[in-house]
């Protein structure tokens, strides 16, 4: 009898449903005959990379050579940015890579990994891939319930994943909330604070939002992840990093693949860190766009979850898949989040002024058509 490949896969991998990214604009354009679709599905920066990053990449010529396997120049830039020692830095092929390294380095088959309801899809994927047991705690107001997470900890618990701000809901946790939580979590549990959207958060708009990269000395079981895919506009290059105690970073680097960050990504990320003007401009565009989308929702009687990221989860108070499909047919690509337990919502990336305006125009047409049905 012929052996089924499904029988050969590990039990954890057999349980995985592959991650579903937002549909590419090129694919939608070809399917529906649209010349310029607007993709607002993957929380990318509408400004794109900084001019400094683009210029730096143009100076990279020797692509026949392997990249710096240690990423030394980028590590020094990151360490200086966070006032940390270089030994605290782990580089990743996007911050997703760091999340998987944590699971590979510390989670044995049967160990528990805790994360909240409506959390980033990679957390259970990374857990199942190494044979761990995902433990999902109920959400509190669409965000992480830290008390429920503490209560879920057992002797088999190894990792807790918390995104702050949370994706796809946009909720956030304050310094006091997270400090109290970290004080209560046993030392045998590694706490990963995923700060992919942290650069979009301002103290004025979100008082008490913490920079957890500054807490390493007091919490040796803490790992904080960041990415160059969001405000830095380098999603296509895949670069991210984690900061932790040197001991924790050492174990992550033992399972990190050689040359996991390519030469162009290393060079662009180094330059992007220096472009404060681009970061500020991106943040201001996001703030203006978020205000515009919230106002549009309020005027149309649509609910939404207040967001500290560069996206907004909009509540249509009924299953939203047909709205997603109708908008896509008119060239607006957003993100359905039914797989996150949110079937009535669509997650919308904050785009440029023109993109946001086009989104609202198409949304009005779609909702008017649906209202008459």
Foldseek 3Di string as FASTA:
>chain_A
DDDDVLVVADPLVNPDDDDDAFDDLVVLCVVQVNDAFDEFAHQFQQVAADPLLVVLLVPDDPQVDFADQLLVLLLVLVCVVLVHDSLQKDKALWLLRVLLLQLVLWAAAAAEEEEEFLADPSNSVSQSNRNYDYDYFYADLNADDLVRRLVPDDPRYAEYEHEALGPPAQDHDFPVVVVVSLVSHDLNHAYEYEDAFVLLFDCVVPPRGDDCLNVQVVRQSYKYKYGCRHLNNPVVQGMIMIGHPSVVSVSSVVPDDGSNHGPSRSSSSSRSSVCVVSSVVSSVQLVVLVVVVVVLCVVVVWDWRDHSGQKIKIFQVDQCPVVQVQLSSVRYTWAQVVVSVRRRITIGGRHGPVNSVVSSVSSVVSVVVVVVD
